[in-house]
Protein backbone atom coordinates (compact mmCIF):
# COMPACT_ATOMS: atom_id res chain seq x y z
CA UNK A 1 0.00 0.00 0.00
CA UNK A 2 2.94 2.33 0.65
CA UNK A 3 4.23 1.99 -2.92
CA UNK A 4 0.83 2.94 -4.32
CA UNK A 5 0.54 6.05 -2.15
CA UNK A 6 4.12 7.08 -2.85
CA UNK A 7 3.56 6.53 -6.57
CA UNK A 8 0.42 8.67 -6.52
CA UNK A 9 2.24 11.49 -4.73
CA UNK A 10 5.20 11.38 -7.12
CA UNK A 11 2.86 11.19 -10.12
CA UNK A 12 0.83 14.16 -8.85
CA UNK A 13 4.01 16.22 -8.35
CA UNK A 14 5.14 15.37 -11.88
CA UNK A 15 1.77 16.41 -13.30
CA UNK A 16 1.87 19.63 -11.29
CA UNK A 17 5.32 20.43 -12.71
CA UNK A 18 4.15 19.84 -16.29
CA UNK A 19 1.03 21.92 -15.68
CA UNK A 20 3.04 24.77 -14.13
CA UNK A 21 5.43 24.91 -17.10
CA UNK A 22 2.57 24.89 -19.59
CA UNK A 23 0.74 27.61 -17.67
CA UNK A 24 3.83 29.84 -17.60
CA UNK A 25 4.32 29.41 -21.35
CA UNK A 26 0.64 30.15 -21.99
CA UNK A 27 0.67 33.41 -20.06
CA UNK A 28 3.86 34.58 -21.79
CA UNK A 29 2.24 34.48 -25.23
CA UNK A 30 0.85 37.57 -26.93
CA UNK A 31 -2.15 37.84 -29.27
CA UNK A 32 -0.10 36.43 -32.18
CA UNK A 33 0.97 33.40 -30.14
CA UNK A 34 4.58 34.50 -29.77
CA UNK A 35 6.34 34.20 -26.41
CA UNK A 36 7.53 37.55 -25.08
CA UNK A 37 10.37 38.09 -22.62
CA UNK A 38 11.69 41.24 -20.95
CA UNK A 39 15.20 40.55 -22.17
CA UNK A 40 17.58 38.01 -23.64
CA UNK A 41 18.94 36.94 -20.26
CA UNK A 42 15.47 36.25 -18.88
CA UNK A 43 14.58 34.28 -22.00
CA UNK A 44 17.65 32.06 -21.71
CA UNK A 45 17.29 31.58 -17.95
CA UNK A 46 13.57 30.88 -18.21
CA UNK A 47 13.96 28.34 -21.01
CA UNK A 48 16.81 26.57 -19.18
CA UNK A 49 14.93 26.47 -15.87
CA UNK A 50 11.69 25.31 -17.49
CA UNK A 51 13.51 22.66 -19.52
CA UNK A 52 15.12 21.32 -16.37
CA UNK A 53 11.79 21.26 -14.52
CA UNK A 54 10.18 19.58 -17.54
CA UNK A 55 12.78 16.78 -17.53
CA UNK A 56 12.47 16.27 -13.76
CA UNK A 57 8.67 16.21 -14.04
CA UNK A 58 8.83 13.60 -16.79
CA UNK A 59 11.10 11.41 -14.68
CA UNK A 60 8.74 11.83 -11.73
CA UNK A 61 5.79 10.75 -13.89
CA UNK A 62 7.62 7.60 -14.96
CA UNK A 63 8.73 6.82 -11.40
CA UNK A 64 5.21 7.38 -10.13
CA UNK A 65 3.73 5.00 -12.69
CA UNK A 66 6.40 2.39 -11.92
CA UNK A 67 5.83 2.72 -8.19
CA UNK A 68 2.07 2.32 -8.61
CA UNK A 69 2.69 -0.77 -10.76
CA UNK A 70 5.03 -2.32 -8.19
CA UNK A 71 2.55 -1.55 -5.43
CA UNK A 72 -0.28 -3.21 -7.33
CA UNK A 73 1.86 -6.27 -8.06
CA UNK A 74 2.71 -6.62 -4.35
CA UNK A 75 -0.93 -6.01 -3.40
CA UNK A 76 -2.32 -8.71 -5.68
CA UNK A 77 0.52 -11.17 -5.06
CA UNK A 78 -0.44 -11.59 -1.41
C-alpha atoms as a PDB file:
ATOM      1  CA  UNK A   1       0.000   0.000   0.000  1.00  0.00           C
ATOM      2  CA  UNK A   2       2.939   2.326   0.646  1.00  0.00           C
ATOM      3  CA  UNK A   3       4.227   1.989  -2.919  1.00  0.00           C
ATOM      4  CA  UNK A   4       0.832   2.943  -4.324  1.00  0.00           C
ATOM      5  CA  UNK A   5       0.537   6.048  -2.147  1.00  0.00           C
ATOM      6  CA  UNK A   6       4.122   7.081  -2.853  1.00  0.00           C
ATOM      7  CA  UNK A   7       3.555   6.527  -6.569  1.00  0.00           C
ATOM      8  CA  UNK A   8       0.419   8.669  -6.525  1.00  0.00           C
ATOM      9  CA  UNK A   9       2.243  11.490  -4.729  1.00  0.00           C
ATOM     10  CA  UNK A  10       5.198  11.383  -7.122  1.00  0.00           C
ATOM     11  CA  UNK A  11       2.857  11.191 -10.119  1.00  0.00           C
ATOM     12  CA  UNK A  12       0.832  14.163  -8.854  1.00  0.00           C
ATOM     13  CA  UNK A  13       4.005  16.223  -8.351  1.00  0.00           C
ATOM     14  CA  UNK A  14       5.138  15.367 -11.879  1.00  0.00           C
ATOM     15  CA  UNK A  15       1.775  16.411 -13.300  1.00  0.00           C
ATOM     16  CA  UNK A  16       1.875  19.634 -11.289  1.00  0.00           C
ATOM     17  CA  UNK A  17       5.319  20.432 -12.713  1.00  0.00           C
ATOM     18  CA  UNK A  18       4.149  19.835 -16.293  1.00  0.00           C
ATOM     19  CA  UNK A  19       1.027  21.918 -15.676  1.00  0.00           C
ATOM     20  CA  UNK A  20       3.042  24.772 -14.131  1.00  0.00           C
ATOM     21  CA  UNK A  21       5.435  24.907 -17.104  1.00  0.00           C
ATOM     22  CA  UNK A  22       2.566  24.894 -19.587  1.00  0.00           C
ATOM     23  CA  UNK A  23       0.739  27.606 -17.670  1.00  0.00           C
ATOM     24  CA  UNK A  24       3.826  29.843 -17.605  1.00  0.00           C
ATOM     25  CA  UNK A  25       4.317  29.414 -21.352  1.00  0.00           C
ATOM     26  CA  UNK A  26       0.638  30.146 -21.994  1.00  0.00           C
ATOM     27  CA  UNK A  27       0.669  33.407 -20.060  1.00  0.00           C
ATOM     28  CA  UNK A  28       3.860  34.580 -21.794  1.00  0.00           C
ATOM     29  CA  UNK A  29       2.240  34.476 -25.233  1.00  0.00           C
ATOM     30  CA  UNK A  30       0.847  37.568 -26.928  1.00  0.00           C
ATOM     31  CA  UNK A  31      -2.152  37.844 -29.275  1.00  0.00           C
ATOM     32  CA  UNK A  32      -0.105  36.432 -32.182  1.00  0.00           C
ATOM     33  CA  UNK A  33       0.965  33.404 -30.138  1.00  0.00           C
ATOM     34  CA  UNK A  34       4.583  34.505 -29.772  1.00  0.00           C
ATOM     35  CA  UNK A  35       6.337  34.200 -26.411  1.00  0.00           C
ATOM     36  CA  UNK A  36       7.525  37.554 -25.085  1.00  0.00           C
ATOM     37  CA  UNK A  37      10.370  38.091 -22.624  1.00  0.00           C
ATOM     38  CA  UNK A  38      11.688  41.238 -20.946  1.00  0.00           C
ATOM     39  CA  UNK A  39      15.204  40.554 -22.174  1.00  0.00           C
ATOM     40  CA  UNK A  40      17.578  38.010 -23.645  1.00  0.00           C
ATOM     41  CA  UNK A  41      18.937  36.936 -20.259  1.00  0.00           C
ATOM     42  CA  UNK A  42      15.474  36.255 -18.881  1.00  0.00           C
ATOM     43  CA  UNK A  43      14.580  34.283 -22.003  1.00  0.00           C
ATOM     44  CA  UNK A  44      17.650  32.059 -21.711  1.00  0.00           C
ATOM     45  CA  UNK A  45      17.291  31.575 -17.954  1.00  0.00           C
ATOM     46  CA  UNK A  46      13.574  30.877 -18.205  1.00  0.00           C
ATOM     47  CA  UNK A  47      13.964  28.335 -21.009  1.00  0.00           C
ATOM     48  CA  UNK A  48      16.810  26.569 -19.183  1.00  0.00           C
ATOM     49  CA  UNK A  49      14.933  26.468 -15.870  1.00  0.00           C
ATOM     50  CA  UNK A  50      11.691  25.306 -17.486  1.00  0.00           C
ATOM     51  CA  UNK A  51      13.507  22.665 -19.516  1.00  0.00           C
ATOM     52  CA  UNK A  52      15.122  21.319 -16.372  1.00  0.00           C
ATOM     53  CA  UNK A  53      11.786  21.259 -14.525  1.00  0.00           C
ATOM     54  CA  UNK A  54      10.184  19.584 -17.538  1.00  0.00           C
ATOM     55  CA  UNK A  55      12.779  16.782 -17.530  1.00  0.00           C
ATOM     56  CA  UNK A  56      12.470  16.267 -13.764  1.00  0.00           C
ATOM     57  CA  UNK A  57       8.673  16.214 -14.043  1.00  0.00           C
ATOM     58  CA  UNK A  58       8.832  13.596 -16.795  1.00  0.00           C
ATOM     59  CA  UNK A  59      11.103  11.409 -14.683  1.00  0.00           C
ATOM     60  CA  UNK A  60       8.740  11.833 -11.729  1.00  0.00           C
ATOM     61  CA  UNK A  61       5.794  10.750 -13.890  1.00  0.00           C
ATOM     62  CA  UNK A  62       7.620   7.596 -14.960  1.00  0.00           C
ATOM     63  CA  UNK A  63       8.732   6.815 -11.397  1.00  0.00           C
ATOM     64  CA  UNK A  64       5.209   7.377 -10.129  1.00  0.00           C
ATOM     65  CA  UNK A  65       3.729   4.998 -12.685  1.00  0.00           C
ATOM     66  CA  UNK A  66       6.397   2.386 -11.923  1.00  0.00           C
ATOM     67  CA  UNK A  67       5.827   2.723  -8.187  1.00  0.00           C
ATOM     68  CA  UNK A  68       2.070   2.318  -8.607  1.00  0.00           C
ATOM     69  CA  UNK A  69       2.688  -0.771 -10.756  1.00  0.00           C
ATOM     70  CA  UNK A  70       5.031  -2.322  -8.195  1.00  0.00           C
ATOM     71  CA  UNK A  71       2.547  -1.553  -5.428  1.00  0.00           C
ATOM     72  CA  UNK A  72      -0.275  -3.215  -7.334  1.00  0.00           C
ATOM     73  CA  UNK A  73       1.862  -6.268  -8.055  1.00  0.00           C
ATOM     74  CA  UNK A  74       2.708  -6.615  -4.350  1.00  0.00           C
ATOM     75  CA  UNK A  75      -0.927  -6.014  -3.402  1.00  0.00           C
ATOM     76  CA  UNK A  76      -2.323  -8.714  -5.684  1.00  0.00           C
ATOM     77  CA  UNK A  77       0.519 -11.167  -5.060  1.00  0.00           C
ATOM     78  CA  UNK A  78      -0.441 -11.589  -1.414  1.00  0.00           C
END
